[in-house]
Amino acid sequence: MSPYVSVFIVVAVSLAAIGGLYLLGRAVSVSSDTVEVLPFQSGWKPQEHALSRFHARWYPMTLVFLAFDVEMLFMYPWAVVVAQMGTEVVIEMFVFLGVLVAGIIWAWREGAFRWV
């Protein structure tokens, strides 16, 4: 069998599965005229539009959160192999953490942690 035929079969089966799941979702969904179309917020009516803008003071805090998030993304696999790899990877991780700490100190100096 040609490699193109097998790729075509996989693509066709994938598209058929996606289409079938879409149609199944449409068939079992509740119609919108029987349900009140409002976002669910613990029973409260929304007080602002869903596309309202956030204050600019949240963006630096978001970047600091992403720095911590990326740190954890690299530390989990590192913790699994650190005993096998030796002291070189410990030094590399401390360099990486040093760069992150420098970024956090910079954010602190710029006032990213002030809430008002």
Protein backbone atom coordinates (compact mmCIF):
# COMPACT_ATOMS: atom_id res chain seq x y z
CA MET A 1 0.00 0.00 0.00
CA SER A 2 1.27 3.47 -0.87
CA PRO A 3 2.18 5.79 2.00
CA TYR A 4 -0.18 8.39 0.53
CA VAL A 5 -3.11 6.03 0.77
CA SER A 6 -2.50 5.39 4.47
CA VAL A 7 -2.18 9.14 5.15
CA PHE A 8 -5.41 9.73 3.23
CA ILE A 9 -7.18 7.03 5.27
CA VAL A 10 -6.01 8.57 8.56
CA VAL A 11 -7.11 12.06 7.47
CA ALA A 12 -10.48 10.77 6.26
CA VAL A 13 -11.13 8.86 9.48
CA SER A 14 -10.11 11.91 11.53
CA LEU A 15 -12.41 14.23 9.59
CA ALA A 16 -15.27 11.74 9.82
CA ALA A 17 -14.77 11.47 13.60
CA ILE A 18 -14.69 15.25 14.00
CA GLY A 19 -17.79 15.67 11.87
CA GLY A 20 -19.60 12.89 13.72
CA LEU A 21 -18.81 14.39 17.12
CA TYR A 22 -19.93 17.82 15.92
CA LEU A 23 -23.24 16.42 14.69
CA LEU A 24 -23.69 14.44 17.91
CA GLY A 25 -23.13 17.61 19.93
CA ARG A 26 -25.68 19.49 17.84
CA ALA A 27 -28.20 16.65 18.24
CA VAL A 28 -28.00 16.41 22.03
CA SER A 29 -27.57 20.10 22.87
CA VAL A 30 -30.32 22.11 24.50
CA SER A 31 -31.89 24.67 22.20
CA SER A 32 -31.13 28.27 23.05
CA ASP A 33 -34.79 29.34 23.18
CA THR A 34 -35.42 27.16 26.24
CA VAL A 35 -32.39 28.31 28.20
CA GLU A 36 -31.65 31.84 29.35
CA VAL A 37 -28.49 32.84 27.49
CA LEU A 38 -26.40 34.46 30.22
CA PRO A 39 -23.00 33.50 31.55
CA PHE A 40 -23.09 31.50 34.74
CA GLN A 41 -21.53 33.39 37.63
CA SER A 42 -22.81 31.64 40.75
CA GLY A 43 -26.31 32.89 40.07
CA TRP A 44 -25.34 36.56 39.77
CA LYS A 45 -26.21 38.69 36.79
CA PRO A 46 -23.08 39.94 35.00
CA GLN A 47 -22.18 43.52 35.89
CA GLU A 48 -19.83 44.16 32.99
CA HIS A 49 -19.39 43.01 29.43
CA ALA A 50 -17.43 39.81 28.86
CA LEU A 51 -14.97 41.67 26.62
CA SER A 52 -14.29 44.46 29.09
CA ARG A 53 -10.69 45.49 29.51
CA PHE A 54 -8.54 44.82 32.51
CA HIS A 55 -6.58 47.54 34.22
CA ALA A 56 -2.99 47.90 32.99
CA ARG A 57 -1.57 47.15 36.45
CA TRP A 58 -2.46 43.47 36.00
CA TYR A 59 -0.18 42.91 33.01
CA PRO A 60 3.19 43.08 34.85
CA MET A 61 1.82 40.70 37.49
CA THR A 62 0.75 38.36 34.72
CA LEU A 63 4.26 38.36 33.30
CA VAL A 64 5.71 37.56 36.72
CA PHE A 65 3.24 34.68 37.05
CA LEU A 66 4.31 33.38 33.65
CA ALA A 67 7.95 33.52 34.76
CA PHE A 68 7.11 31.31 37.76
CA ASP A 69 5.00 29.06 35.55
CA VAL A 70 7.84 28.55 33.06
CA GLU A 71 10.18 27.92 35.97
CA MET A 72 8.01 25.05 37.16
CA LEU A 73 7.69 23.75 33.60
CA PHE A 74 11.46 23.27 33.47
CA MET A 75 11.95 22.15 37.07
CA TYR A 76 9.69 19.07 36.97
CA PRO A 77 11.61 17.17 34.29
CA TRP A 78 14.89 18.46 35.73
CA ALA A 79 14.04 17.00 39.13
CA VAL A 80 13.54 13.57 37.56
CA VAL A 81 16.97 13.40 35.92
CA VAL A 82 19.14 15.54 38.21
CA ALA A 83 20.57 12.54 40.11
CA GLN A 84 21.64 10.86 36.86
CA MET A 85 23.10 13.92 35.16
CA GLY A 86 25.39 15.24 37.90
CA THR A 87 26.49 18.64 39.09
CA GLU A 88 26.46 20.28 35.65
CA VAL A 89 22.67 20.33 35.53
CA VAL A 90 22.50 21.70 39.09
CA ILE A 91 24.69 24.62 38.01
CA GLU A 92 22.57 25.14 34.89
CA MET A 93 19.38 25.21 36.98
CA PHE A 94 20.85 27.76 39.37
CA VAL A 95 21.83 29.96 36.40
CA PHE A 96 18.27 29.65 35.09
CA LEU A 97 16.83 30.51 38.51
CA GLY A 98 19.23 33.45 38.73
CA VAL A 99 17.87 34.87 35.48
CA LEU A 100 14.33 34.48 36.79
CA VAL A 101 15.20 36.09 40.11
CA ALA A 102 16.78 39.01 38.24
CA GLY A 103 13.52 39.44 36.33
CA ILE A 104 11.50 39.34 39.54
CA ILE A 105 13.78 41.89 41.20
CA TRP A 106 13.41 44.14 38.15
CA ALA A 107 9.61 43.79 38.30
CA TRP A 108 9.70 44.61 42.01
CA ARG A 109 11.78 47.74 41.37
CA GLU A 110 9.39 48.80 38.61
CA GLY A 111 6.44 48.49 40.99
CA ALA A 112 4.73 45.44 39.53
CA PHE A 113 3.78 44.21 43.00
CA ARG A 114 2.06 47.45 44.08
CA TRP A 115 -1.71 47.03 43.89
CA VAL A 116 -2.76 50.68 43.91
